[in-house]
């Protein structure tokens, strides 16, 4: 399933992630999952939130540089081999994975994988098989 991801570019300094989290909390927006990657000078926070439009508006109003990206969420069994089976379908279809992050659904035997592909439609077709 294609969903909107929020990416926020920020300086690699103490307190910057806290500012993002506080901004969203003050706006009543809940973070479903988050990934943080950094370099020496800046970081990229990628996240899925429960109210995408409200989250983007709050972060933009607070002065953060925000980018919206379509990503694909897929649910797999939370067990050894769950991700391997899904990735094998993508490999067979020749789909390139640009990046991914994941989270387990508490209290269930399921995990959610979030992917950025070079071709979301092709990836979704491969995963539907």
Protein backbone atom coordinates (compact mmCIF):
# COMPACT_ATOMS: atom_id res chain seq x y z
CA UNK A 1 0.00 0.00 0.00
CA UNK A 2 1.39 3.40 -0.96
CA UNK A 3 1.50 5.96 1.86
CA UNK A 4 2.96 9.42 2.31
CA UNK A 5 6.25 9.72 4.16
CA UNK A 6 7.52 12.95 5.67
CA UNK A 7 11.24 13.66 5.38
CA UNK A 8 12.75 16.45 7.44
CA UNK A 9 16.25 17.80 6.86
CA UNK A 10 17.96 19.11 9.96
CA UNK A 11 21.32 20.12 11.31
CA UNK A 12 23.22 17.40 13.15
CA UNK A 13 23.04 19.17 16.52
CA UNK A 14 21.63 18.25 19.94
CA UNK A 15 17.94 19.04 20.37
CA UNK A 16 16.95 19.07 16.69
CA UNK A 17 15.06 15.75 16.81
CA UNK A 18 13.41 16.86 20.03
CA UNK A 19 12.10 19.94 18.23
CA UNK A 20 10.48 17.82 15.54
CA UNK A 21 8.88 15.50 18.07
CA UNK A 22 7.61 18.39 20.21
CA UNK A 23 6.18 20.19 17.18
CA UNK A 24 4.20 17.11 16.17
CA UNK A 25 3.08 16.41 19.75
CA UNK A 26 1.85 19.98 20.17
CA UNK A 27 -0.14 19.59 16.92
CA UNK A 28 -1.69 16.32 18.15
CA UNK A 29 0.08 14.24 15.49
CA UNK A 30 1.29 10.76 16.41
CA UNK A 31 4.41 9.22 14.87
CA UNK A 32 3.83 5.65 13.67
CA UNK A 33 7.46 4.98 12.74
CA UNK A 34 10.64 6.95 12.29
CA UNK A 35 14.07 6.47 10.77
CA UNK A 36 17.02 8.80 11.30
CA UNK A 37 20.11 8.85 9.09
CA UNK A 38 22.94 11.27 9.52
CA UNK A 39 26.12 12.63 8.02
CA UNK A 40 28.67 14.86 9.67
CA UNK A 41 26.64 18.03 9.04
CA UNK A 42 22.97 17.11 8.69
CA UNK A 43 20.40 14.42 9.29
CA UNK A 44 17.34 13.16 7.48
CA UNK A 45 14.38 12.08 9.57
CA UNK A 46 11.91 9.93 7.67
CA UNK A 47 8.57 9.20 9.28
CA UNK A 48 5.02 8.02 8.85
CA UNK A 49 2.47 9.87 10.99
CA UNK A 50 -1.22 9.35 11.70
CA UNK A 51 -2.29 12.66 10.12
CA UNK A 52 0.04 13.43 7.23
CA UNK A 53 -1.39 16.81 6.18
CA UNK A 54 -1.50 18.11 9.75
CA UNK A 55 2.06 16.91 10.37
CA UNK A 56 3.43 18.59 7.25
CA UNK A 57 1.63 21.83 8.08
CA UNK A 58 2.90 21.88 11.68
CA UNK A 59 6.51 21.12 10.73
CA UNK A 60 6.53 23.63 7.87
CA UNK A 61 5.03 26.33 10.11
CA UNK A 62 7.76 25.64 12.68
CA UNK A 63 10.42 26.31 10.04
CA UNK A 64 11.53 22.77 9.26
CA UNK A 65 12.46 21.83 5.70
CA UNK A 66 9.92 19.13 4.83
CA UNK A 67 9.65 16.85 1.81
CA UNK A 68 6.80 14.45 1.04
CA UNK A 69 7.54 11.09 -0.59
CA UNK A 70 5.37 8.17 -1.65
CA UNK A 71 6.58 4.96 -0.01
CA UNK A 72 5.14 1.46 0.13
CA UNK A 73 4.13 -0.29 3.37
CA UNK A 74 3.97 -4.06 3.45
CA UNK A 75 3.04 -6.35 6.33
CA UNK A 76 4.96 -9.58 6.87
CA UNK A 77 4.95 -12.29 9.53
CA UNK A 78 7.27 -11.28 12.39
CA UNK A 79 9.37 -14.44 12.26
CA UNK A 80 12.65 -15.59 10.73
CA UNK A 81 12.27 -15.48 6.94
CA UNK A 82 9.30 -13.09 6.87
CA UNK A 83 11.25 -10.32 5.19
CA UNK A 84 13.28 -12.75 3.06
CA UNK A 85 10.10 -14.05 1.41
CA UNK A 86 8.89 -10.56 0.59
CA UNK A 87 12.26 -9.40 -0.75
CA UNK A 88 12.48 -12.51 -2.94
CA UNK A 89 9.30 -11.39 -4.74
CA UNK A 90 10.84 -7.98 -5.36
CA UNK A 91 14.09 -9.52 -6.60
CA UNK A 92 12.19 -11.77 -9.00
CA UNK A 93 10.37 -8.72 -10.42
CA UNK A 94 13.62 -6.75 -10.77
CA UNK A 95 12.53 -3.99 -8.39
CA UNK A 96 15.25 -1.79 -6.88
CA UNK A 97 14.96 -0.93 -3.18
CA UNK A 98 16.33 2.55 -2.49
CA UNK A 99 15.92 2.28 1.30
CA UNK A 100 13.77 0.57 3.89
CA UNK A 101 12.94 0.61 7.59
CA UNK A 102 10.63 -1.53 9.68
CA UNK A 103 8.67 -1.84 12.89
CA UNK A 104 6.88 -4.65 14.70
CA UNK A 105 3.20 -4.37 15.51
CA UNK A 106 3.10 -4.84 19.27
CA UNK A 107 0.87 -7.64 20.54
CA UNK A 108 0.74 -9.31 17.12
CA UNK A 109 2.89 -11.61 15.05
CA UNK A 110 3.19 -9.03 12.27
CA UNK A 111 5.83 -6.50 11.24
CA UNK A 112 5.53 -3.58 8.85
CA UNK A 113 8.22 -2.82 6.29
CA UNK A 114 8.42 0.64 4.71
CA UNK A 115 10.16 0.84 1.32
CA UNK A 116 11.22 3.52 -1.12
CA UNK A 117 11.44 1.92 -4.56
CA UNK A 118 12.57 3.12 -7.94
CA UNK A 119 9.11 2.07 -9.21
CA UNK A 120 6.32 1.85 -6.61
CA UNK A 121 3.72 0.51 -9.05
CA UNK A 122 5.99 -2.33 -10.17
CA UNK A 123 6.82 -3.15 -6.55
CA UNK A 124 3.17 -3.21 -5.50
CA UNK A 125 2.33 -5.51 -8.42
CA UNK A 126 5.15 -7.87 -7.40
CA UNK A 127 4.00 -7.91 -3.77
CA UNK A 128 0.40 -8.66 -4.80
CA UNK A 129 1.48 -12.01 -6.33
